[in-house]
Amino acid sequence: MDTTTYRSAFTAVVLVVLLTAPAWAVITALLPLQDVIRGSQIIVVAKVEKLHADKPAMILRVEEELKGKLPFRTLPVNLKGDSEAEKLNHVPQLLKRLADDLPLVLFIEQKDKKFTALAFTNGTWMQLVGDRTGPETAVWSLTHGEPYLRRTFAGTTAELRTLLTDVLAGKKRAPKINEKEPPGFGPEVGGM
């Protein structure tokens, strides 16, 4: 097996593992955007309908479906985070990058009643998990931020939405990994 084939196979296996089971650690593997798109059953643009930083929680409302169909329009998200988020102090950092009316792109994989999503907003990546509670409802939780996924894409939400539309229409290919992009999160709200 040549290096390119091996790398593609490895990336596909990593993506399947990441999107079908909750991660217990921050993703540090190189994950090309093309593989994230291909491995996601559903891709939507949602808006923060209401951020409750004091709880911490947020309500997301689906605005546009780019790939697949999500069976519900509202996503309540507990932003407490997991032990990894606590250890790395992700929640306070992420709360500075969220606000009412802020758009996010969600790359979602569903397996039975479980959902795993990589969420992106203006250079900030995070992982969410969801449990279906009814035919048109699910509850979601933040696992942790994904600072290394800035190598996957680090632009604005609007740029990603436009790029995804073109990639899904077959007009463009997603950009390659930027291995020189340092880990971190995008700008704080108001700092863009």
N, C-alpha and C. Protein backbone atom coordinates (compact mmCIF):
# COMPACT_ATOMS: atom_id res chain seq x y z
N MET A 1 0.86 -1.17 0.00
CA MET A 1 0.00 0.00 0.00
C MET A 1 0.90 1.24 0.00
N ASP A 2 0.66 2.17 -0.95
CA ASP A 2 1.50 3.37 -0.99
C ASP A 2 1.10 4.34 0.12
N THR A 3 1.92 5.36 0.34
CA THR A 3 1.73 6.30 1.46
C THR A 3 0.41 7.04 1.37
N THR A 4 0.02 7.47 0.16
CA THR A 4 -1.23 8.21 -0.01
C THR A 4 -2.43 7.32 0.31
N THR A 5 -2.42 6.09 -0.17
CA THR A 5 -3.52 5.16 0.10
C THR A 5 -3.58 4.84 1.58
N TYR A 6 -2.42 4.61 2.20
CA TYR A 6 -2.38 4.32 3.63
C TYR A 6 -2.95 5.49 4.42
N ARG A 7 -2.51 6.71 4.09
CA ARG A 7 -2.98 7.89 4.82
C ARG A 7 -4.48 8.09 4.67
N SER A 8 -5.01 7.86 3.45
CA SER A 8 -6.45 7.99 3.21
C SER A 8 -7.23 6.94 4.02
N ALA A 9 -6.72 5.71 4.04
CA ALA A 9 -7.37 4.65 4.80
C ALA A 9 -7.34 4.95 6.29
N PHE A 10 -6.19 5.41 6.78
CA PHE A 10 -6.05 5.76 8.19
C PHE A 10 -7.02 6.88 8.57
N THR A 11 -7.07 7.93 7.73
CA THR A 11 -7.95 9.06 7.99
C THR A 11 -9.41 8.61 8.01
N ALA A 12 -9.80 7.73 7.09
CA ALA A 12 -11.18 7.24 7.06
C ALA A 12 -11.52 6.47 8.34
N VAL A 13 -10.60 5.64 8.81
CA VAL A 13 -10.83 4.89 10.04
C VAL A 13 -10.95 5.84 11.23
N VAL A 14 -10.05 6.82 11.32
CA VAL A 14 -10.10 7.80 12.41
C VAL A 14 -11.43 8.54 12.38
N LEU A 15 -11.87 8.97 11.20
CA LEU A 15 -13.12 9.71 11.08
C LEU A 15 -14.31 8.87 11.53
N VAL A 16 -14.36 7.61 11.12
CA VAL A 16 -15.46 6.74 11.52
C VAL A 16 -15.49 6.60 13.04
N VAL A 17 -14.34 6.39 13.64
CA VAL A 17 -14.27 6.26 15.10
C VAL A 17 -14.74 7.55 15.77
N LEU A 18 -14.26 8.69 15.27
CA LEU A 18 -14.59 9.98 15.88
C LEU A 18 -16.07 10.31 15.77
N LEU A 19 -16.66 10.01 14.64
CA LEU A 19 -18.04 10.42 14.42
C LEU A 19 -19.08 9.38 14.85
N THR A 20 -18.64 8.20 15.26
CA THR A 20 -19.62 7.20 15.68
C THR A 20 -19.59 6.91 17.17
N ALA A 21 -18.65 7.47 17.88
CA ALA A 21 -18.58 7.27 19.33
C ALA A 21 -18.06 8.54 19.97
N PRO A 22 -18.55 8.85 21.16
CA PRO A 22 -18.03 10.03 21.83
C PRO A 22 -16.53 9.92 22.06
N ALA A 23 -15.82 11.00 21.79
CA ALA A 23 -14.38 11.00 22.00
C ALA A 23 -14.08 11.24 23.47
N TRP A 24 -13.01 10.65 23.94
CA TRP A 24 -12.62 10.83 25.33
C TRP A 24 -11.43 11.75 25.44
N ALA A 25 -10.88 12.16 24.32
CA ALA A 25 -9.74 13.06 24.33
C ALA A 25 -9.85 14.01 23.14
N VAL A 26 -9.14 15.10 23.21
CA VAL A 26 -9.10 16.06 22.13
C VAL A 26 -8.50 15.39 20.90
N ILE A 27 -9.06 15.66 19.73
CA ILE A 27 -8.56 15.09 18.47
C ILE A 27 -7.26 15.79 18.11
N THR A 28 -6.20 15.03 17.99
CA THR A 28 -4.92 15.60 17.57
C THR A 28 -4.50 15.09 16.20
N ALA A 29 -5.17 14.05 15.70
CA ALA A 29 -4.85 13.50 14.38
C ALA A 29 -5.21 14.51 13.29
N LEU A 30 -4.46 14.48 12.20
CA LEU A 30 -4.79 15.32 11.05
C LEU A 30 -6.11 14.82 10.46
N LEU A 31 -7.05 15.71 10.25
CA LEU A 31 -8.37 15.34 9.77
C LEU A 31 -8.77 16.28 8.65
N PRO A 32 -8.57 15.87 7.39
CA PRO A 32 -8.90 16.75 6.26
C PRO A 32 -10.40 17.08 6.21
N LEU A 33 -10.70 18.30 5.82
CA LEU A 33 -12.10 18.73 5.72
C LEU A 33 -12.87 17.85 4.75
N GLN A 34 -12.25 17.42 3.67
CA GLN A 34 -12.93 16.55 2.70
C GLN A 34 -13.41 15.27 3.39
N ASP A 35 -12.62 14.73 4.31
CA ASP A 35 -13.01 13.52 5.03
C ASP A 35 -14.13 13.81 6.03
N VAL A 36 -14.10 14.98 6.66
CA VAL A 36 -15.17 15.36 7.59
C VAL A 36 -16.49 15.45 6.82
N ILE A 37 -16.45 16.07 5.64
CA ILE A 37 -17.65 16.22 4.81
C ILE A 37 -18.16 14.84 4.38
N ARG A 38 -17.27 14.03 3.86
CA ARG A 38 -17.64 12.70 3.37
C ARG A 38 -18.18 11.82 4.50
N GLY A 39 -17.61 11.94 5.69
CA GLY A 39 -18.00 11.09 6.82
C GLY A 39 -19.23 11.56 7.58
N SER A 40 -19.73 12.73 7.25
CA SER A 40 -20.91 13.26 7.95
C SER A 40 -22.18 12.89 7.20
N GLN A 41 -23.11 12.29 7.90
CA GLN A 41 -24.40 11.98 7.29
C GLN A 41 -25.22 13.24 7.09
N ILE A 42 -25.05 14.19 8.02
CA ILE A 42 -25.84 15.41 8.03
C ILE A 42 -24.90 16.59 8.24
N ILE A 43 -25.10 17.66 7.47
CA ILE A 43 -24.38 18.91 7.68
C ILE A 43 -25.43 20.02 7.67
N VAL A 44 -25.47 20.79 8.76
CA VAL A 44 -26.44 21.88 8.85
C VAL A 44 -25.77 23.16 9.31
N VAL A 45 -26.42 24.27 8.98
CA VAL A 45 -26.05 25.56 9.55
C VAL A 45 -27.12 25.87 10.59
N ALA A 46 -26.69 26.15 11.80
CA ALA A 46 -27.62 26.47 12.89
C ALA A 46 -27.22 27.82 13.47
N LYS A 47 -28.14 28.43 14.20
CA LYS A 47 -27.86 29.68 14.89
C LYS A 47 -28.08 29.49 16.37
N VAL A 48 -27.28 30.19 17.16
CA VAL A 48 -27.51 30.20 18.60
C VAL A 48 -28.75 31.05 18.83
N GLU A 49 -29.84 30.37 19.17
CA GLU A 49 -31.08 31.09 19.45
C GLU A 49 -30.98 31.81 20.79
N LYS A 50 -30.37 31.12 21.77
CA LYS A 50 -30.20 31.72 23.09
C LYS A 50 -29.00 31.07 23.77
N LEU A 51 -28.07 31.92 24.23
CA LEU A 51 -26.94 31.45 25.02
C LEU A 51 -27.22 31.76 26.48
N HIS A 52 -27.11 30.76 27.32
CA HIS A 52 -27.26 30.90 28.78
C HIS A 52 -25.89 30.63 29.39
N ALA A 53 -25.02 31.62 29.36
CA ALA A 53 -23.65 31.44 29.83
C ALA A 53 -23.59 31.08 31.31
N ASP A 54 -24.59 31.49 32.09
CA ASP A 54 -24.60 31.22 33.52
C ASP A 54 -24.91 29.76 33.85
N LYS A 55 -25.54 29.02 32.95
CA LYS A 55 -25.97 27.64 33.25
C LYS A 55 -24.84 26.62 33.07
N PRO A 56 -23.93 26.53 32.22
CA PRO A 56 -23.90 27.07 30.87
C PRO A 56 -24.67 26.15 29.91
N ALA A 57 -25.39 26.78 28.98
CA ALA A 57 -26.17 26.05 27.99
C ALA A 57 -26.49 26.96 26.81
N MET A 58 -26.94 26.37 25.73
CA MET A 58 -27.42 27.16 24.59
C MET A 58 -28.50 26.39 23.86
N ILE A 59 -29.31 27.13 23.16
CA ILE A 59 -30.33 26.54 22.29
C ILE A 59 -29.92 26.89 20.87
N LEU A 60 -29.76 25.86 20.03
CA LEU A 60 -29.45 26.06 18.62
C LEU A 60 -30.71 25.82 17.80
N ARG A 61 -30.90 26.60 16.76
CA ARG A 61 -32.01 26.40 15.83
C ARG A 61 -31.41 26.17 14.44
N VAL A 62 -31.82 25.06 13.80
CA VAL A 62 -31.35 24.74 12.46
C VAL A 62 -31.91 25.75 11.47
N GLU A 63 -31.02 26.36 10.70
CA GLU A 63 -31.41 27.37 9.71
C GLU A 63 -31.38 26.81 8.29
N GLU A 64 -30.44 25.89 8.03
CA GLU A 64 -30.26 25.40 6.67
C GLU A 64 -29.63 24.00 6.71
N GLU A 65 -30.16 23.11 5.90
CA GLU A 65 -29.59 21.77 5.77
C GLU A 65 -28.77 21.74 4.49
N LEU A 66 -27.49 21.44 4.62
CA LEU A 66 -26.60 21.38 3.47
C LEU A 66 -26.43 19.96 2.95
N LYS A 67 -26.54 18.99 3.85
CA LYS A 67 -26.41 17.57 3.48
C LYS A 67 -27.27 16.77 4.43
N GLY A 68 -28.09 15.87 3.90
CA GLY A 68 -28.95 15.05 4.75
C GLY A 68 -30.07 15.84 5.38
N LYS A 69 -30.81 15.16 6.24
CA LYS A 69 -31.95 15.79 6.89
C LYS A 69 -31.90 15.49 8.38
N LEU A 70 -31.94 16.54 9.18
CA LEU A 70 -31.97 16.40 10.64
C LEU A 70 -33.43 16.32 11.06
N PRO A 71 -33.80 15.35 11.90
CA PRO A 71 -35.22 15.15 12.23
C PRO A 71 -35.78 16.17 13.22
N PHE A 72 -35.02 17.16 13.62
CA PHE A 72 -35.51 18.18 14.55
C PHE A 72 -34.87 19.51 14.20
N ARG A 73 -35.49 20.59 14.62
CA ARG A 73 -35.02 21.94 14.29
C ARG A 73 -34.33 22.62 15.47
N THR A 74 -34.60 22.17 16.69
CA THR A 74 -34.05 22.80 17.88
C THR A 74 -33.12 21.83 18.59
N LEU A 75 -31.96 22.35 19.01
CA LEU A 75 -30.97 21.53 19.71
C LEU A 75 -30.62 22.20 21.04
N PRO A 76 -31.17 21.71 22.15
CA PRO A 76 -30.72 22.20 23.45
C PRO A 76 -29.36 21.58 23.78
N VAL A 77 -28.38 22.42 24.15
CA VAL A 77 -27.02 21.93 24.37
C VAL A 77 -26.53 22.33 25.76
N ASN A 78 -26.20 21.33 26.57
CA ASN A 78 -25.56 21.56 27.86
C ASN A 78 -24.09 21.83 27.58
N LEU A 79 -23.58 22.96 28.05
CA LEU A 79 -22.19 23.34 27.78
C LEU A 79 -21.24 23.10 28.94
N LYS A 80 -21.62 22.23 29.84
CA LYS A 80 -20.75 21.97 30.99
C LYS A 80 -19.42 21.33 30.57
N GLY A 81 -19.44 20.47 29.56
CA GLY A 81 -18.23 19.82 29.09
C GLY A 81 -17.87 18.59 29.88
N ASP A 82 -16.94 17.81 29.35
CA ASP A 82 -16.49 16.59 30.00
C ASP A 82 -15.23 16.85 30.81
N SER A 83 -14.60 15.81 31.31
CA SER A 83 -13.40 15.97 32.14
C SER A 83 -12.25 16.58 31.34
N GLU A 84 -12.19 16.29 30.05
CA GLU A 84 -11.15 16.87 29.19
C GLU A 84 -11.36 18.39 29.07
N ALA A 85 -12.61 18.80 28.91
CA ALA A 85 -12.92 20.24 28.83
C ALA A 85 -12.56 20.93 30.13
N GLU A 86 -12.83 20.26 31.24
CA GLU A 86 -12.51 20.84 32.55
C GLU A 86 -10.99 20.95 32.73
N LYS A 87 -10.29 19.88 32.40
CA LYS A 87 -8.84 19.85 32.57
C LYS A 87 -8.16 20.93 31.71
N LEU A 88 -8.67 21.16 30.50
CA LEU A 88 -8.05 22.11 29.58
C LEU A 88 -8.72 23.50 29.61
N ASN A 89 -9.67 23.69 30.54
CA ASN A 89 -10.34 24.98 30.71
C ASN A 89 -11.05 25.45 29.44
N HIS A 90 -11.68 24.51 28.70
CA HIS A 90 -12.31 24.84 27.43
C HIS A 90 -13.60 25.64 27.58
N VAL A 91 -14.43 25.33 28.56
CA VAL A 91 -15.75 25.96 28.63
C VAL A 91 -15.66 27.48 28.70
N PRO A 92 -14.87 28.07 29.60
CA PRO A 92 -14.78 29.54 29.61
C PRO A 92 -14.27 30.11 28.28
N GLN A 93 -13.34 29.39 27.66
CA GLN A 93 -12.81 29.85 26.37
C GLN A 93 -13.88 29.80 25.28
N LEU A 94 -14.66 28.71 25.27
CA LEU A 94 -15.71 28.56 24.26
C LEU A 94 -16.84 29.56 24.48
N LEU A 95 -17.20 29.82 25.73
CA LEU A 95 -18.27 30.77 26.01
C LEU A 95 -17.94 32.17 25.48
N LYS A 96 -16.67 32.51 25.43
CA LYS A 96 -16.25 33.81 24.88
C LYS A 96 -16.39 33.85 23.36
N ARG A 97 -16.63 32.71 22.76
CA ARG A 97 -16.71 32.61 21.30
C ARG A 97 -18.12 32.24 20.83
N LEU A 98 -19.08 32.30 21.74
CA LEU A 98 -20.48 32.02 21.44
C LEU A 98 -21.32 33.23 21.82
N ALA A 99 -22.43 33.43 21.11
CA ALA A 99 -23.34 34.54 21.41
C ALA A 99 -24.67 34.28 20.72
N ASP A 100 -25.71 34.95 21.19
CA ASP A 100 -27.01 34.87 20.53
C ASP A 100 -26.84 35.26 19.06
N ASP A 101 -27.57 34.56 18.20
CA ASP A 101 -27.61 34.80 16.74
C ASP A 101 -26.33 34.39 16.01
N LEU A 102 -25.37 33.80 16.68
CA LEU A 102 -24.13 33.37 16.04
C LEU A 102 -24.37 32.09 15.25
N PRO A 103 -23.98 32.04 13.97
CA PRO A 103 -24.14 30.81 13.19
C PRO A 103 -23.03 29.80 13.48
N LEU A 104 -23.39 28.54 13.41
CA LEU A 104 -22.46 27.42 13.55
C LEU A 104 -22.74 26.43 12.43
N VAL A 105 -21.72 25.72 12.00
CA VAL A 105 -21.89 24.61 11.08
C VAL A 105 -21.72 23.34 11.89
N LEU A 106 -22.66 22.41 11.75
CA LEU A 106 -22.61 21.14 12.47
C LEU A 106 -22.42 20.00 11.47
N PHE A 107 -21.38 19.20 11.70
CA PHE A 107 -21.11 17.99 10.92
C PHE A 107 -21.56 16.83 11.81
N ILE A 108 -22.63 16.14 11.42
CA ILE A 108 -23.29 15.20 12.32
C ILE A 108 -23.27 13.78 11.77
N GLU A 109 -23.01 12.86 12.65
CA GLU A 109 -23.11 11.43 12.38
C GLU A 109 -24.14 10.86 13.35
N GLN A 110 -25.06 10.05 12.83
CA GLN A 110 -26.07 9.42 13.68
C GLN A 110 -25.90 7.91 13.65
N LYS A 111 -25.98 7.31 14.82
CA LYS A 111 -25.97 5.85 14.94
C LYS A 111 -27.05 5.50 15.94
N ASP A 112 -28.12 4.88 15.45
CA ASP A 112 -29.30 4.58 16.26
C ASP A 112 -29.82 5.87 16.89
N LYS A 113 -29.89 5.94 18.21
CA LYS A 113 -30.41 7.14 18.88
C LYS A 113 -29.31 8.08 19.35
N LYS A 114 -28.07 7.83 18.93
CA LYS A 114 -26.92 8.63 19.35
C LYS A 114 -26.43 9.49 18.19
N PHE A 115 -26.03 10.71 18.52
CA PHE A 115 -25.47 11.64 17.56
C PHE A 115 -24.10 12.10 18.05
N THR A 116 -23.19 12.29 17.13
CA THR A 116 -21.91 12.92 17.42
C THR A 116 -21.75 14.04 16.39
N ALA A 117 -21.34 15.21 16.85
CA ALA A 117 -21.20 16.34 15.93
C ALA A 117 -19.90 17.08 16.19
N LEU A 118 -19.30 17.51 15.10
CA LEU A 118 -18.22 18.48 15.18
C LEU A 118 -18.87 19.81 14.82
N ALA A 119 -18.78 20.78 15.72
CA ALA A 119 -19.39 22.09 15.50
C ALA A 119 -18.29 23.10 15.23
N PHE A 120 -18.56 24.01 14.30
CA PHE A 120 -17.58 25.02 13.90
C PHE A 120 -18.22 26.40 13.90
N THR A 121 -17.53 27.38 14.45
CA THR A 121 -17.93 28.77 14.32
C THR A 121 -16.69 29.65 14.31
N ASN A 122 -16.48 30.34 13.23
CA ASN A 122 -15.43 31.35 13.10
C ASN A 122 -14.06 30.92 13.65
N GLY A 123 -13.60 29.77 13.18
CA GLY A 123 -12.27 29.30 13.57
C GLY A 123 -12.23 28.48 14.84
N THR A 124 -13.38 28.30 15.48
CA THR A 124 -13.45 27.52 16.72
C THR A 124 -14.19 26.21 16.45
N TRP A 125 -13.57 25.11 16.84
CA TRP A 125 -14.18 23.78 16.70
C TRP A 125 -14.49 23.24 18.09
N MET A 126 -15.57 22.48 18.18
CA MET A 126 -15.92 21.78 19.42
C MET A 126 -16.67 20.51 19.05
N GLN A 127 -16.75 19.60 19.99
CA GLN A 127 -17.47 18.35 19.76
C GLN A 127 -18.69 18.31 20.66
N LEU A 128 -19.81 17.86 20.09
CA LEU A 128 -21.06 17.70 20.81
C LEU A 128 -21.52 16.26 20.65
N VAL A 129 -22.24 15.76 21.64
CA VAL A 129 -22.90 14.46 21.53
C VAL A 129 -24.37 14.67 21.85
N GLY A 130 -25.21 13.87 21.20
CA GLY A 130 -26.65 14.00 21.41
C GLY A 130 -27.31 12.65 21.60
N ASP A 131 -28.41 12.66 22.33
CA ASP A 131 -29.23 11.48 22.54
C ASP A 131 -30.64 11.80 22.10
N ARG A 132 -31.17 10.99 21.21
CA ARG A 132 -32.53 11.19 20.73
C ARG A 132 -33.49 10.86 21.87
N THR A 133 -34.42 11.77 22.14
CA THR A 133 -35.39 11.58 23.22
C THR A 133 -36.80 11.35 22.69
N GLY A 134 -37.00 11.56 21.42
CA GLY A 134 -38.30 11.37 20.78
C GLY A 134 -38.14 11.46 19.28
N PRO A 135 -39.24 11.30 18.51
CA PRO A 135 -39.14 11.32 17.05
C PRO A 135 -38.55 12.63 16.50
N GLU A 136 -38.81 13.73 17.18
CA GLU A 136 -38.34 15.02 16.69
C GLU A 136 -37.58 15.80 17.76
N THR A 137 -36.99 15.07 18.72
CA THR A 137 -36.26 15.74 19.80
C THR A 137 -34.99 14.98 20.16
N ALA A 138 -34.01 15.73 20.64
CA ALA A 138 -32.77 15.16 21.16
C ALA A 138 -32.18 16.17 22.13
N VAL A 139 -31.41 15.69 23.08
CA VAL A 139 -30.67 16.57 23.99
C VAL A 139 -29.19 16.40 23.68
N TRP A 140 -28.47 17.50 23.77
CA TRP A 140 -27.07 17.54 23.38
C TRP A 140 -26.19 18.02 24.53
N SER A 141 -24.93 17.61 24.48
CA SER A 141 -23.93 18.05 25.47
C SER A 141 -22.62 18.33 24.76
N LEU A 142 -21.93 19.34 25.24
CA LEU A 142 -20.57 19.60 24.80
C LEU A 142 -19.67 18.55 25.42
N THR A 143 -18.78 17.97 24.63
CA THR A 143 -17.73 17.14 25.23
C THR A 143 -16.57 18.07 25.57
N HIS A 144 -15.96 18.69 24.54
CA HIS A 144 -14.84 19.60 24.75
C HIS A 144 -14.55 20.35 23.46
N GLY A 145 -13.68 21.33 23.54
CA GLY A 145 -13.23 22.03 22.35
C GLY A 145 -12.28 21.15 21.56
N GLU A 146 -12.09 21.48 20.30
CA GLU A 146 -11.19 20.73 19.42
C GLU A 146 -10.17 21.69 18.80
N PRO A 147 -9.20 22.16 19.59
CA PRO A 147 -8.28 23.19 19.11
C PRO A 147 -7.39 22.77 17.94
N TYR A 148 -7.11 21.48 17.79
CA TYR A 148 -6.25 21.02 16.70
C TYR A 148 -6.98 20.97 15.36
N LEU A 149 -8.31 21.03 15.37
CA LEU A 149 -9.05 21.00 14.11
C LEU A 149 -8.95 22.31 13.34
N ARG A 150 -8.30 23.32 13.91
CA ARG A 150 -8.02 24.53 13.14
C ARG A 150 -7.15 24.19 11.93
N ARG A 151 -6.40 23.08 11.99
CA ARG A 151 -5.63 22.63 10.83
C ARG A 151 -6.56 22.16 9.71
N THR A 152 -7.76 21.74 10.09
CA THR A 152 -8.76 21.29 9.13
C THR A 152 -9.36 22.48 8.39
N PHE A 153 -9.75 23.51 9.15
CA PHE A 153 -10.28 24.76 8.59
C PHE A 153 -10.26 25.80 9.69
N ALA A 154 -9.82 27.01 9.37
CA ALA A 154 -9.70 28.05 10.40
C ALA A 154 -10.31 29.38 9.97
N GLY A 155 -11.10 29.39 8.90
CA GLY A 155 -11.68 30.64 8.41
C GLY A 155 -12.94 31.02 9.17
N THR A 156 -13.78 31.81 8.52
CA THR A 156 -15.03 32.24 9.14
C THR A 156 -16.14 31.23 8.85
N THR A 157 -17.22 31.36 9.58
CA THR A 157 -18.37 30.49 9.35
C THR A 157 -18.94 30.74 7.96
N ALA A 158 -19.02 31.99 7.55
CA ALA A 158 -19.55 32.31 6.22
C ALA A 158 -18.68 31.69 5.12
N GLU A 159 -17.36 31.75 5.30
CA GLU A 159 -16.46 31.14 4.31
C GLU A 159 -16.66 29.63 4.25
N LEU A 160 -16.82 28.99 5.41
CA LEU A 160 -17.03 27.55 5.44
C LEU A 160 -18.36 27.19 4.79
N ARG A 161 -19.41 27.94 5.08
CA ARG A 161 -20.73 27.66 4.49
C ARG A 161 -20.66 27.73 2.96
N THR A 162 -20.02 28.78 2.43
CA THR A 162 -19.87 28.93 0.97
C THR A 162 -19.04 27.78 0.40
N LEU A 163 -17.95 27.45 1.06
CA LEU A 163 -17.10 26.36 0.61
C LEU A 163 -17.86 25.04 0.60
N LEU A 164 -18.61 24.76 1.66
CA LEU A 164 -19.38 23.51 1.73
C LEU A 164 -20.40 23.43 0.61
N THR A 165 -21.07 24.54 0.32
CA THR A 165 -22.05 24.56 -0.77
C THR A 165 -21.38 24.19 -2.09
N ASP A 166 -20.21 24.75 -2.35
CA ASP A 166 -19.47 24.45 -3.58
C ASP A 166 -18.95 23.02 -3.61
N VAL A 167 -18.43 22.55 -2.49
CA VAL A 167 -17.90 21.18 -2.42
C VAL A 167 -19.03 20.17 -2.62
N LEU A 168 -20.14 20.38 -1.93
CA LEU A 168 -21.26 19.44 -2.04
C LEU A 168 -21.90 19.46 -3.43
N ALA A 169 -21.79 20.59 -4.15
CA ALA A 169 -22.30 20.70 -5.52
C ALA A 169 -21.29 20.17 -6.54
N GLY A 170 -20.10 19.76 -6.08
CA GLY A 170 -19.08 19.24 -6.97
C GLY A 170 -18.31 20.31 -7.72
N LYS A 171 -18.43 21.58 -7.30
CA LYS A 171 -17.74 22.69 -7.97
C LYS A 171 -16.32 22.88 -7.48
N LYS A 172 -16.04 22.43 -6.24
CA LYS A 172 -14.72 22.61 -5.64
C LYS A 172 -14.37 21.38 -4.82
N ARG A 173 -13.08 21.30 -4.49
CA ARG A 173 -12.62 20.32 -3.52
C ARG A 173 -12.25 21.08 -2.25
N ALA A 174 -12.45 20.45 -1.13
CA ALA A 174 -12.09 21.09 0.14
C ALA A 174 -10.59 21.30 0.20
N PRO A 175 -10.14 22.35 0.89
CA PRO A 175 -8.70 22.60 1.00
C PRO A 175 -8.00 21.50 1.79
N LYS A 176 -6.72 21.36 1.54
CA LYS A 176 -5.91 20.39 2.28
C LYS A 176 -5.65 20.88 3.70
N ILE A 177 -5.18 19.99 4.52
CA ILE A 177 -4.80 20.30 5.90
C ILE A 177 -3.72 21.39 5.90
N ASN A 178 -3.82 22.30 6.84
CA ASN A 178 -2.77 23.30 7.03
C ASN A 178 -2.00 22.90 8.29
N GLU A 179 -0.95 22.12 8.11
CA GLU A 179 -0.20 21.59 9.25
C GLU A 179 0.51 22.68 10.05
N LYS A 180 0.66 23.87 9.47
CA LYS A 180 1.34 24.96 10.17
C LYS A 180 0.39 25.78 11.04
N GLU A 181 -0.91 25.53 10.94
CA GLU A 181 -1.89 26.27 11.75
C GLU A 181 -1.75 25.85 13.21
N PRO A 182 -1.48 26.79 14.11
CA PRO A 182 -1.32 26.41 15.52
C PRO A 182 -2.67 26.06 16.14
N PRO A 183 -2.69 25.16 17.13
CA PRO A 183 -3.94 24.82 17.80
C PRO A 183 -4.47 26.03 18.57
N GLY A 184 -5.75 26.03 18.78
CA GLY A 184 -6.38 27.11 19.54
C GLY A 184 -7.82 27.27 19.13
N PHE A 185 -8.36 28.42 19.42
CA PHE A 185 -9.74 28.73 19.07
C PHE A 185 -9.75 30.03 18.28
N GLY A 186 -10.83 30.26 17.56
CA GLY A 186 -10.97 31.48 16.78
C GLY A 186 -11.12 32.69 17.69
N PRO A 187 -11.35 33.86 17.09
CA PRO A 187 -11.46 35.08 17.87
C PRO A 187 -12.68 35.08 18.79
N GLU A 188 -12.56 35.80 19.89
CA GLU A 188 -13.70 35.97 20.77
C GLU A 188 -14.76 36.79 20.07
N VAL A 189 -16.02 36.60 20.44
CA VAL A 189 -17.12 37.35 19.85
C VAL A 189 -16.84 38.82 20.09
N GLY A 190 -17.00 39.62 19.04
CA GLY A 190 -16.70 41.03 19.14
C GLY A 190 -15.26 41.33 18.77
N GLY A 191 -14.42 40.29 18.67
CA GLY A 191 -13.02 40.49 18.34
C GLY A 191 -12.70 40.14 16.90
N MET A 192 -13.77 39.97 16.08
CA MET A 192 -13.54 39.58 14.69
C MET A 192 -13.43 40.78 13.80
